[in-house]
Amino acid sequence: MVFCGIDWAERHHDVALVDAEGKLVAKRRIAESADGFAELTAMLADAGDSREAPIPVAIETPRGLLVAALRETGRAIYAINPMAVARYRERHTVSRKKSDHADAMVLANILRTDAHIHRQLPVDTELARAVAVLARAAQDAVWRRTRALQELRSLLREYYPSFLAAFHRSGATNLAGPEARQLLALAPTP
């Protein structure tokens, strides 16, 4: 039995394959590209991967192009929380230094020793994946709006504190609402 761990990053990924005893079978850094995915699948095939017995993969994220491509292969994918990976890393080294290759090894070993306590990503329909993408986009939009409003409030506090005072005296509470725009139209500068 072979287990795969992938330390995910934006431009590249470190991959480690370990056997049932925890010995390194193969390691490689692949690009975030179709060529990188081809390298990964070739690496898995060289280690004994097949349609009937796909090598399970542990990675620190449940989404992204790499995860989507891996899911299409029909293999078991385990999204391991990065904080859990950090705790496992501490079990094997006293150094707090982070290494992408070492994290890939830790992820592979998590599957080897503790796959039973981690949740495999469920098989999703295309509709379920579309809903997940839309839900994530909505969540990101809410976070961006909240950050922009906090930034606006901070800038107004520095540059135009009397606006904030007048705004709150008017009983309005939402800087993104029409009341804030109406008040700024009446008095656009300090």
N, C-alpha and C. Protein backbone atom coordinates (compact mmCIF):
# COMPACT_ATOMS: atom_id res chain seq x y z
N MET A 1 0.86 -1.19 0.00
CA MET A 1 0.00 0.00 0.00
C MET A 1 0.89 1.23 0.00
N VAL A 2 0.53 2.22 -0.81
CA VAL A 2 1.25 3.48 -0.91
C VAL A 2 0.27 4.61 -0.60
N PHE A 3 0.79 5.67 0.04
CA PHE A 3 -0.02 6.82 0.42
C PHE A 3 0.64 8.08 -0.14
N CYS A 4 -0.18 9.03 -0.58
CA CYS A 4 0.34 10.25 -1.18
C CYS A 4 -0.01 11.46 -0.32
N GLY A 5 0.96 12.32 -0.12
CA GLY A 5 0.74 13.59 0.56
C GLY A 5 1.15 14.71 -0.36
N ILE A 6 0.32 15.74 -0.46
CA ILE A 6 0.62 16.88 -1.32
C ILE A 6 0.57 18.16 -0.49
N ASP A 7 1.71 18.83 -0.42
CA ASP A 7 1.76 20.14 0.23
C ASP A 7 1.39 21.16 -0.85
N TRP A 8 0.21 21.72 -0.72
CA TRP A 8 -0.37 22.60 -1.73
C TRP A 8 0.19 24.02 -1.61
N ALA A 9 0.44 24.65 -2.76
CA ALA A 9 0.81 26.06 -2.82
C ALA A 9 0.20 26.63 -4.10
N GLU A 10 0.29 27.93 -4.28
CA GLU A 10 -0.34 28.55 -5.45
C GLU A 10 0.35 28.20 -6.75
N ARG A 11 1.67 28.17 -6.77
CA ARG A 11 2.40 27.97 -8.02
C ARG A 11 2.97 26.56 -8.20
N HIS A 12 3.19 25.88 -7.09
CA HIS A 12 3.74 24.53 -7.17
C HIS A 12 3.23 23.71 -5.99
N HIS A 13 3.43 22.40 -6.10
CA HIS A 13 3.02 21.49 -5.04
C HIS A 13 4.13 20.49 -4.80
N ASP A 14 4.40 20.19 -3.53
CA ASP A 14 5.36 19.16 -3.19
C ASP A 14 4.60 17.87 -2.93
N VAL A 15 5.05 16.81 -3.57
CA VAL A 15 4.38 15.51 -3.48
C VAL A 15 5.33 14.51 -2.84
N ALA A 16 4.80 13.72 -1.93
CA ALA A 16 5.58 12.63 -1.32
C ALA A 16 4.72 11.37 -1.31
N LEU A 17 5.34 10.25 -1.66
CA LEU A 17 4.69 8.95 -1.58
C LEU A 17 5.43 8.12 -0.56
N VAL A 18 4.68 7.52 0.36
CA VAL A 18 5.29 6.64 1.36
C VAL A 18 4.62 5.28 1.31
N ASP A 19 5.37 4.25 1.70
CA ASP A 19 4.80 2.90 1.71
C ASP A 19 4.16 2.62 3.07
N ALA A 20 3.69 1.41 3.25
CA ALA A 20 2.98 1.02 4.48
C ALA A 20 3.84 1.12 5.73
N GLU A 21 5.17 1.12 5.56
CA GLU A 21 6.09 1.24 6.70
C GLU A 21 6.54 2.67 6.93
N GLY A 22 6.11 3.59 6.09
CA GLY A 22 6.48 4.99 6.24
C GLY A 22 7.75 5.37 5.50
N LYS A 23 8.26 4.47 4.68
CA LYS A 23 9.48 4.78 3.92
C LYS A 23 9.11 5.57 2.67
N LEU A 24 9.94 6.54 2.35
CA LEU A 24 9.71 7.37 1.18
C LEU A 24 9.87 6.54 -0.09
N VAL A 25 8.84 6.55 -0.92
CA VAL A 25 8.87 5.83 -2.20
C VAL A 25 9.30 6.79 -3.31
N ALA A 26 8.76 8.01 -3.27
CA ALA A 26 9.10 9.01 -4.29
C ALA A 26 8.73 10.39 -3.77
N LYS A 27 9.41 11.39 -4.29
CA LYS A 27 9.05 12.77 -3.97
C LYS A 27 9.34 13.62 -5.20
N ARG A 28 8.60 14.71 -5.31
CA ARG A 28 8.78 15.60 -6.45
C ARG A 28 8.03 16.90 -6.20
N ARG A 29 8.53 17.96 -6.79
CA ARG A 29 7.82 19.24 -6.81
C ARG A 29 7.21 19.37 -8.20
N ILE A 30 5.90 19.60 -8.25
CA ILE A 30 5.23 19.74 -9.53
C ILE A 30 4.65 21.15 -9.66
N ALA A 31 4.49 21.58 -10.89
CA ALA A 31 3.91 22.91 -11.16
C ALA A 31 2.40 22.84 -11.06
N GLU A 32 1.78 23.97 -10.83
CA GLU A 32 0.32 24.10 -10.85
C GLU A 32 -0.09 24.26 -12.31
N SER A 33 -0.07 23.16 -13.03
CA SER A 33 -0.37 23.19 -14.47
C SER A 33 -0.80 21.80 -14.92
N ALA A 34 -1.22 21.71 -16.18
CA ALA A 34 -1.58 20.41 -16.73
C ALA A 34 -0.36 19.49 -16.78
N ASP A 35 0.81 20.06 -17.10
CA ASP A 35 2.04 19.26 -17.11
C ASP A 35 2.36 18.73 -15.71
N GLY A 36 2.17 19.58 -14.70
CA GLY A 36 2.41 19.16 -13.33
C GLY A 36 1.47 18.03 -12.92
N PHE A 37 0.20 18.13 -13.35
CA PHE A 37 -0.75 17.06 -13.03
C PHE A 37 -0.36 15.77 -13.75
N ALA A 38 0.12 15.89 -14.98
CA ALA A 38 0.58 14.70 -15.72
C ALA A 38 1.77 14.07 -15.00
N GLU A 39 2.68 14.89 -14.46
CA GLU A 39 3.82 14.35 -13.69
C GLU A 39 3.31 13.61 -12.46
N LEU A 40 2.32 14.18 -11.79
CA LEU A 40 1.76 13.55 -10.59
C LEU A 40 1.14 12.20 -10.93
N THR A 41 0.33 12.16 -11.97
CA THR A 41 -0.32 10.89 -12.31
C THR A 41 0.70 9.84 -12.76
N ALA A 42 1.76 10.28 -13.44
CA ALA A 42 2.82 9.34 -13.83
C ALA A 42 3.55 8.83 -12.58
N MET A 43 3.78 9.72 -11.64
CA MET A 43 4.44 9.34 -10.39
C MET A 43 3.59 8.32 -9.63
N LEU A 44 2.29 8.57 -9.58
CA LEU A 44 1.39 7.63 -8.90
C LEU A 44 1.36 6.29 -9.62
N ALA A 45 1.32 6.32 -10.96
CA ALA A 45 1.30 5.07 -11.73
C ALA A 45 2.58 4.27 -11.50
N ASP A 46 3.71 4.95 -11.44
CA ASP A 46 4.98 4.26 -11.17
C ASP A 46 4.99 3.60 -9.80
N ALA A 47 4.18 4.13 -8.87
CA ALA A 47 4.13 3.58 -7.52
C ALA A 47 3.05 2.51 -7.37
N GLY A 48 2.38 2.17 -8.48
CA GLY A 48 1.40 1.09 -8.41
C GLY A 48 -0.05 1.54 -8.46
N ASP A 49 -0.29 2.81 -8.74
CA ASP A 49 -1.65 3.33 -8.82
C ASP A 49 -2.39 2.68 -9.99
N SER A 50 -3.65 2.32 -9.77
CA SER A 50 -4.48 1.78 -10.85
C SER A 50 -5.93 2.18 -10.60
N ARG A 51 -6.77 1.98 -11.59
CA ARG A 51 -8.20 2.30 -11.45
C ARG A 51 -8.84 1.44 -10.37
N GLU A 52 -8.41 0.21 -10.28
CA GLU A 52 -8.98 -0.71 -9.29
C GLU A 52 -8.47 -0.42 -7.88
N ALA A 53 -7.25 0.07 -7.76
CA ALA A 53 -6.65 0.35 -6.45
C ALA A 53 -5.93 1.70 -6.49
N PRO A 54 -6.70 2.80 -6.51
CA PRO A 54 -6.06 4.11 -6.57
C PRO A 54 -5.37 4.48 -5.26
N ILE A 55 -4.26 5.15 -5.38
CA ILE A 55 -3.51 5.60 -4.20
C ILE A 55 -4.27 6.77 -3.57
N PRO A 56 -4.58 6.70 -2.27
CA PRO A 56 -5.28 7.81 -1.62
C PRO A 56 -4.34 9.02 -1.46
N VAL A 57 -4.95 10.20 -1.43
CA VAL A 57 -4.19 11.44 -1.37
C VAL A 57 -4.65 12.30 -0.20
N ALA A 58 -3.69 12.85 0.54
CA ALA A 58 -3.98 13.83 1.59
C ALA A 58 -3.43 15.17 1.13
N ILE A 59 -4.24 16.21 1.27
CA ILE A 59 -3.87 17.56 0.85
C ILE A 59 -4.51 18.54 1.83
N GLU A 60 -3.96 19.73 1.94
CA GLU A 60 -4.43 20.67 2.96
C GLU A 60 -5.63 21.52 2.54
N THR A 61 -6.17 21.31 1.37
CA THR A 61 -7.31 22.12 0.93
C THR A 61 -8.36 21.23 0.26
N PRO A 62 -9.64 21.55 0.45
CA PRO A 62 -10.68 20.75 -0.20
C PRO A 62 -11.10 21.28 -1.57
N ARG A 63 -10.47 22.35 -2.05
CA ARG A 63 -10.89 22.95 -3.32
C ARG A 63 -9.69 23.35 -4.16
N GLY A 64 -9.97 23.74 -5.38
CA GLY A 64 -8.92 24.16 -6.29
C GLY A 64 -8.83 23.22 -7.47
N LEU A 65 -8.07 23.64 -8.48
CA LEU A 65 -7.96 22.85 -9.70
C LEU A 65 -7.33 21.49 -9.47
N LEU A 66 -6.29 21.45 -8.65
CA LEU A 66 -5.62 20.17 -8.39
C LEU A 66 -6.57 19.19 -7.73
N VAL A 67 -7.30 19.66 -6.73
CA VAL A 67 -8.24 18.79 -6.02
C VAL A 67 -9.34 18.32 -6.97
N ALA A 68 -9.85 19.24 -7.80
CA ALA A 68 -10.89 18.86 -8.77
C ALA A 68 -10.37 17.80 -9.74
N ALA A 69 -9.15 17.98 -10.22
CA ALA A 69 -8.58 17.00 -11.16
C ALA A 69 -8.36 15.65 -10.46
N LEU A 70 -7.90 15.67 -9.23
CA LEU A 70 -7.71 14.42 -8.49
C LEU A 70 -9.04 13.72 -8.23
N ARG A 71 -10.08 14.50 -7.95
CA ARG A 71 -11.39 13.92 -7.69
C ARG A 71 -11.92 13.21 -8.94
N GLU A 72 -11.60 13.76 -10.10
CA GLU A 72 -12.06 13.16 -11.35
C GLU A 72 -11.42 11.78 -11.59
N THR A 73 -10.31 11.51 -10.92
CA THR A 73 -9.65 10.21 -11.09
C THR A 73 -10.32 9.12 -10.26
N GLY A 74 -11.25 9.50 -9.38
CA GLY A 74 -11.97 8.52 -8.58
C GLY A 74 -11.26 8.05 -7.33
N ARG A 75 -10.19 8.71 -6.98
CA ARG A 75 -9.44 8.26 -5.80
C ARG A 75 -9.97 8.93 -4.52
N ALA A 76 -9.60 8.36 -3.40
CA ALA A 76 -9.96 8.93 -2.10
C ALA A 76 -9.07 10.16 -1.85
N ILE A 77 -9.73 11.28 -1.55
CA ILE A 77 -9.02 12.53 -1.26
C ILE A 77 -9.38 12.91 0.17
N TYR A 78 -8.37 13.21 0.96
CA TYR A 78 -8.57 13.64 2.34
C TYR A 78 -8.04 15.06 2.47
N ALA A 79 -8.93 16.00 2.80
CA ALA A 79 -8.52 17.38 3.04
C ALA A 79 -8.20 17.49 4.53
N ILE A 80 -6.92 17.66 4.83
CA ILE A 80 -6.46 17.70 6.23
C ILE A 80 -6.26 19.17 6.63
N ASN A 81 -6.83 19.55 7.73
CA ASN A 81 -6.70 20.91 8.23
C ASN A 81 -5.23 21.25 8.44
N PRO A 82 -4.78 22.42 7.95
CA PRO A 82 -3.36 22.81 8.13
C PRO A 82 -2.91 22.83 9.59
N MET A 83 -3.83 23.16 10.51
CA MET A 83 -3.46 23.14 11.94
C MET A 83 -3.18 21.71 12.40
N ALA A 84 -3.93 20.76 11.90
CA ALA A 84 -3.69 19.36 12.25
C ALA A 84 -2.35 18.91 11.69
N VAL A 85 -2.03 19.36 10.48
CA VAL A 85 -0.73 19.01 9.88
C VAL A 85 0.39 19.56 10.75
N ALA A 86 0.23 20.78 11.25
CA ALA A 86 1.25 21.38 12.11
C ALA A 86 1.44 20.55 13.38
N ARG A 87 0.33 20.04 13.96
CA ARG A 87 0.44 19.21 15.17
C ARG A 87 1.15 17.90 14.86
N TYR A 88 0.83 17.29 13.73
CA TYR A 88 1.51 16.05 13.33
C TYR A 88 3.00 16.33 13.10
N ARG A 89 3.31 17.47 12.47
CA ARG A 89 4.71 17.83 12.20
C ARG A 89 5.49 17.89 13.50
N GLU A 90 4.88 18.44 14.55
CA GLU A 90 5.54 18.56 15.85
C GLU A 90 5.85 17.19 16.46
N ARG A 91 5.07 16.18 16.10
CA ARG A 91 5.33 14.83 16.62
C ARG A 91 6.62 14.26 16.07
N HIS A 92 7.02 14.72 14.88
CA HIS A 92 8.16 14.10 14.20
C HIS A 92 9.42 14.94 14.18
N THR A 93 9.34 16.18 14.61
CA THR A 93 10.53 17.02 14.60
C THR A 93 10.45 18.03 15.74
N VAL A 94 11.59 18.35 16.30
CA VAL A 94 11.63 19.36 17.36
C VAL A 94 11.77 20.76 16.76
N SER A 95 12.24 20.82 15.55
CA SER A 95 12.40 22.10 14.87
C SER A 95 11.03 22.61 14.44
N ARG A 96 10.79 23.88 14.60
CA ARG A 96 9.53 24.48 14.16
C ARG A 96 9.62 24.97 12.72
N LYS A 97 10.74 24.69 12.09
CA LYS A 97 10.96 25.13 10.71
C LYS A 97 10.03 24.37 9.77
N LYS A 98 9.35 25.12 8.91
CA LYS A 98 8.43 24.52 7.95
C LYS A 98 9.18 24.16 6.68
N SER A 99 8.89 22.99 6.16
CA SER A 99 9.47 22.53 4.91
C SER A 99 8.35 21.94 4.07
N ASP A 100 8.23 22.37 2.81
CA ASP A 100 7.17 21.87 1.95
C ASP A 100 7.29 20.36 1.76
N HIS A 101 8.50 19.88 1.53
CA HIS A 101 8.70 18.44 1.35
C HIS A 101 8.33 17.68 2.64
N ALA A 102 8.77 18.21 3.77
CA ALA A 102 8.46 17.56 5.04
C ALA A 102 6.95 17.53 5.28
N ASP A 103 6.26 18.61 4.92
CA ASP A 103 4.81 18.63 5.09
C ASP A 103 4.13 17.61 4.18
N ALA A 104 4.64 17.44 2.97
CA ALA A 104 4.09 16.41 2.08
C ALA A 104 4.27 15.03 2.70
N MET A 105 5.42 14.81 3.31
CA MET A 105 5.68 13.53 4.00
C MET A 105 4.72 13.36 5.18
N VAL A 106 4.52 14.43 5.94
CA VAL A 106 3.61 14.37 7.09
C VAL A 106 2.21 14.02 6.61
N LEU A 107 1.75 14.66 5.54
CA LEU A 107 0.42 14.37 5.01
C LEU A 107 0.28 12.91 4.59
N ALA A 108 1.28 12.40 3.89
CA ALA A 108 1.24 10.99 3.49
C ALA A 108 1.20 10.07 4.71
N ASN A 109 1.99 10.40 5.72
CA ASN A 109 2.01 9.58 6.94
C ASN A 109 0.73 9.70 7.75
N ILE A 110 0.05 10.84 7.67
CA ILE A 110 -1.25 10.96 8.33
C ILE A 110 -2.21 9.92 7.76
N LEU A 111 -2.21 9.79 6.45
CA LEU A 111 -3.06 8.76 5.82
C LEU A 111 -2.63 7.36 6.22
N ARG A 112 -1.33 7.16 6.24
CA ARG A 112 -0.81 5.83 6.57
C ARG A 112 -1.22 5.40 7.96
N THR A 113 -1.16 6.31 8.92
CA THR A 113 -1.42 5.93 10.31
C THR A 113 -2.82 6.24 10.80
N ASP A 114 -3.42 7.33 10.30
CA ASP A 114 -4.67 7.80 10.90
C ASP A 114 -5.78 8.11 9.89
N ALA A 115 -5.79 7.48 8.75
CA ALA A 115 -6.83 7.75 7.75
C ALA A 115 -8.22 7.53 8.33
N HIS A 116 -8.34 6.57 9.24
CA HIS A 116 -9.65 6.24 9.81
C HIS A 116 -10.27 7.37 10.63
N ILE A 117 -9.48 8.32 11.09
CA ILE A 117 -10.05 9.43 11.88
C ILE A 117 -10.22 10.71 11.06
N HIS A 118 -9.85 10.67 9.80
CA HIS A 118 -10.03 11.83 8.93
C HIS A 118 -11.12 11.54 7.91
N ARG A 119 -11.79 12.59 7.51
CA ARG A 119 -12.93 12.44 6.61
C ARG A 119 -12.50 12.56 5.15
N GLN A 120 -12.91 11.61 4.37
CA GLN A 120 -12.66 11.62 2.94
C GLN A 120 -13.63 12.60 2.29
N LEU A 121 -13.16 13.35 1.28
CA LEU A 121 -14.07 14.23 0.57
C LEU A 121 -15.15 13.40 -0.10
N PRO A 122 -16.41 13.81 0.04
CA PRO A 122 -17.49 13.02 -0.55
C PRO A 122 -17.50 13.13 -2.07
N VAL A 123 -18.07 12.14 -2.70
CA VAL A 123 -18.26 12.18 -4.14
C VAL A 123 -19.41 13.14 -4.40
N ASP A 124 -19.19 14.13 -5.24
CA ASP A 124 -20.19 15.15 -5.50
C ASP A 124 -20.69 15.09 -6.93
N THR A 125 -21.93 15.53 -7.09
CA THR A 125 -22.47 15.68 -8.44
C THR A 125 -21.99 17.02 -8.99
N GLU A 126 -22.17 17.22 -10.27
CA GLU A 126 -21.78 18.50 -10.88
C GLU A 126 -22.58 19.64 -10.25
N LEU A 127 -23.86 19.41 -9.98
CA LEU A 127 -24.70 20.43 -9.36
C LEU A 127 -24.17 20.79 -7.96
N ALA A 128 -23.79 19.78 -7.18
CA ALA A 128 -23.26 20.04 -5.84
C ALA A 128 -21.97 20.85 -5.92
N ARG A 129 -21.10 20.53 -6.88
CA ARG A 129 -19.87 21.30 -7.05
C ARG A 129 -20.18 22.74 -7.45
N ALA A 130 -21.17 22.94 -8.31
CA ALA A 130 -21.55 24.29 -8.73
C ALA A 130 -22.09 25.10 -7.55
N VAL A 131 -22.91 24.46 -6.72
CA VAL A 131 -23.44 25.13 -5.53
C VAL A 131 -22.29 25.51 -4.59
N ALA A 132 -21.33 24.61 -4.43
CA ALA A 132 -20.18 24.90 -3.55
C ALA A 132 -19.38 26.09 -4.07
N VAL A 133 -19.18 26.16 -5.37
CA VAL A 133 -18.44 27.29 -5.96
C VAL A 133 -19.21 28.59 -5.72
N LEU A 134 -20.52 28.57 -5.94
CA LEU A 134 -21.33 29.77 -5.73
C LEU A 134 -21.37 30.18 -4.26
N ALA A 135 -21.48 29.21 -3.37
CA ALA A 135 -21.49 29.51 -1.94
C ALA A 135 -20.16 30.13 -1.51
N ARG A 136 -19.07 29.58 -2.02
CA ARG A 136 -17.74 30.13 -1.70
C ARG A 136 -17.61 31.56 -2.24
N ALA A 137 -18.10 31.80 -3.46
CA ALA A 137 -18.05 33.15 -4.04
C ALA A 137 -18.87 34.12 -3.21
N ALA A 138 -20.04 33.69 -2.75
CA ALA A 138 -20.88 34.56 -1.91
C ALA A 138 -20.18 34.86 -0.59
N GLN A 139 -19.57 33.85 0.01
CA GLN A 139 -18.84 34.05 1.27
C GLN A 139 -17.68 35.02 1.06
N ASP A 140 -16.93 34.85 -0.01
CA ASP A 140 -15.82 35.75 -0.30
C ASP A 140 -16.31 37.18 -0.51
N ALA A 141 -17.45 37.34 -1.18
CA ALA A 141 -18.01 38.68 -1.42
C ALA A 141 -18.40 39.34 -0.10
N VAL A 142 -18.99 38.58 0.80
CA VAL A 142 -19.36 39.12 2.12
C VAL A 142 -18.11 39.54 2.88
N TRP A 143 -17.05 38.70 2.84
CA TRP A 143 -15.81 39.04 3.54
C TRP A 143 -15.18 40.30 2.95
N ARG A 144 -15.18 40.43 1.61
CA ARG A 144 -14.60 41.63 0.97
C ARG A 144 -15.40 42.87 1.33
N ARG A 145 -16.73 42.74 1.34
CA ARG A 145 -17.58 43.89 1.69
C ARG A 145 -17.33 44.31 3.13
N THR A 146 -17.25 43.35 4.03
CA THR A 146 -17.00 43.66 5.44
C THR A 146 -15.65 44.34 5.60
N ARG A 147 -14.63 43.83 4.92
CA ARG A 147 -13.30 44.44 5.00
C ARG A 147 -13.32 45.87 4.45
N ALA A 148 -14.03 46.08 3.34
CA ALA A 148 -14.11 47.42 2.75
C ALA A 148 -14.83 48.38 3.69
N LEU A 149 -15.89 47.93 4.33
CA LEU A 149 -16.62 48.80 5.28
C LEU A 149 -15.77 49.13 6.50
N GLN A 150 -15.01 48.16 6.97
CA GLN A 150 -14.13 48.43 8.11
C GLN A 150 -13.04 49.44 7.72
N GLU A 151 -12.54 49.29 6.51
CA GLU A 151 -11.53 50.23 6.02
C GLU A 151 -12.13 51.63 5.87
N LEU A 152 -13.35 51.71 5.33
CA LEU A 152 -14.03 53.00 5.18
C LEU A 152 -14.25 53.65 6.53
N ARG A 153 -14.71 52.86 7.50
CA ARG A 153 -14.94 53.41 8.85
C ARG A 153 -13.63 53.94 9.44
N SER A 154 -12.55 53.21 9.24
CA SER A 154 -11.24 53.63 9.76
C SER A 154 -10.78 54.93 9.09
N LEU A 155 -10.93 55.01 7.78
CA LEU A 155 -10.53 56.23 7.06
C LEU A 155 -11.39 57.42 7.47
N LEU A 156 -12.69 57.19 7.61
CA LEU A 156 -13.57 58.28 8.04
C LEU A 156 -13.22 58.74 9.46
N ARG A 157 -12.85 57.80 10.30
CA ARG A 157 -12.47 58.15 11.68
C ARG A 157 -11.26 59.08 11.67
N GLU A 158 -10.33 58.86 10.74
CA GLU A 158 -9.13 59.71 10.65
C GLU A 158 -9.42 61.04 9.95
N TYR A 159 -10.08 60.98 8.80
CA TYR A 159 -10.22 62.14 7.93
C TYR A 159 -11.47 62.96 8.20
N TYR A 160 -12.58 62.31 8.55
CA TYR A 160 -13.87 62.98 8.63
C TYR A 160 -14.67 62.43 9.80
N PRO A 161 -14.16 62.58 11.04
CA PRO A 161 -14.85 62.00 12.19
C PRO A 161 -16.24 62.60 12.43
N SER A 162 -16.43 63.86 12.02
CA SER A 162 -17.75 64.47 12.22
C SER A 162 -18.82 63.78 11.37
N PHE A 163 -18.41 63.21 10.23
CA PHE A 163 -19.38 62.44 9.43
C PHE A 163 -19.88 61.24 10.22
N LEU A 164 -18.95 60.53 10.84
CA LEU A 164 -19.36 59.35 11.62
C LEU A 164 -20.28 59.76 12.77
N ALA A 165 -19.96 60.87 13.42
CA ALA A 165 -20.81 61.34 14.52
C ALA A 165 -22.20 61.69 14.01
N ALA A 166 -22.29 62.43 12.91
CA ALA A 166 -23.59 62.80 12.33
C ALA A 166 -24.34 61.56 11.85
N PHE A 167 -23.61 60.65 11.27
CA PHE A 167 -24.22 59.42 10.76
C PHE A 167 -24.87 58.63 11.89
N HIS A 168 -24.17 58.48 12.99
CA HIS A 168 -24.72 57.73 14.12
C HIS A 168 -25.85 58.49 14.80
N ARG A 169 -25.76 59.84 14.84
CA ARG A 169 -26.85 60.63 15.43
C ARG A 169 -28.13 60.50 14.61
N SER A 170 -27.98 60.26 13.31
CA SER A 170 -29.17 60.14 12.45
C SER A 170 -29.90 58.82 12.69
N GLY A 171 -29.29 57.92 13.44
CA GLY A 171 -29.91 56.64 13.74
C GLY A 171 -29.56 55.55 12.74
N ALA A 172 -28.82 55.91 11.70
CA ALA A 172 -28.41 54.92 10.70
C ALA A 172 -27.28 54.08 11.27
N THR A 173 -27.18 52.84 10.80
CA THR A 173 -26.13 51.95 11.32
C THR A 173 -25.26 51.34 10.23
N ASN A 174 -25.68 51.45 8.96
CA ASN A 174 -24.97 50.76 7.89
C ASN A 174 -24.29 51.75 6.97
N LEU A 175 -22.95 51.80 7.01
CA LEU A 175 -22.21 52.71 6.14
C LEU A 175 -22.40 52.39 4.66
N ALA A 176 -22.86 51.19 4.35
CA ALA A 176 -23.08 50.81 2.96
C ALA A 176 -24.49 51.15 2.49
N GLY A 177 -25.31 51.63 3.40
CA GLY A 177 -26.71 51.90 3.06
C GLY A 177 -26.93 53.25 2.39
N PRO A 178 -28.14 53.48 1.91
CA PRO A 178 -28.45 54.73 1.21
C PRO A 178 -28.34 55.97 2.11
N GLU A 179 -28.56 55.80 3.42
CA GLU A 179 -28.47 56.94 4.33
C GLU A 179 -27.06 57.53 4.33
N ALA A 180 -26.06 56.67 4.31
CA ALA A 180 -24.67 57.14 4.31
C ALA A 180 -24.38 57.93 3.02
N ARG A 181 -24.87 57.45 1.89
CA ARG A 181 -24.65 58.16 0.63
C ARG A 181 -25.37 59.51 0.62
N GLN A 182 -26.58 59.55 1.17
CA GLN A 182 -27.33 60.80 1.23
C GLN A 182 -26.61 61.81 2.11
N LEU A 183 -26.09 61.36 3.25
CA LEU A 183 -25.38 62.26 4.15
C LEU A 183 -24.09 62.75 3.52
N LEU A 184 -23.38 61.91 2.82
CA LEU A 184 -22.16 62.33 2.12
C LEU A 184 -22.48 63.29 0.98
N ALA A 185 -23.63 63.14 0.34
CA ALA A 185 -24.02 64.07 -0.72
C ALA A 185 -24.29 65.46 -0.15
N LEU A 186 -24.85 65.53 1.08
CA LEU A 186 -25.11 66.82 1.73
C LEU A 186 -23.82 67.50 2.19
N ALA A 187 -22.88 66.72 2.67
CA ALA A 187 -21.61 67.27 3.19
C ALA A 187 -20.48 66.36 2.78
N PRO A 188 -19.98 66.49 1.53
CA PRO A 188 -18.97 65.56 1.03
C PRO A 188 -17.58 65.71 1.63
N THR A 189 -17.26 66.81 2.28
CA THR A 189 -15.93 67.01 2.87
C THR A 189 -16.07 67.59 4.26
N PRO A 190 -15.03 67.51 5.05
CA PRO A 190 -15.10 68.11 6.39
C PRO A 190 -15.28 69.61 6.32
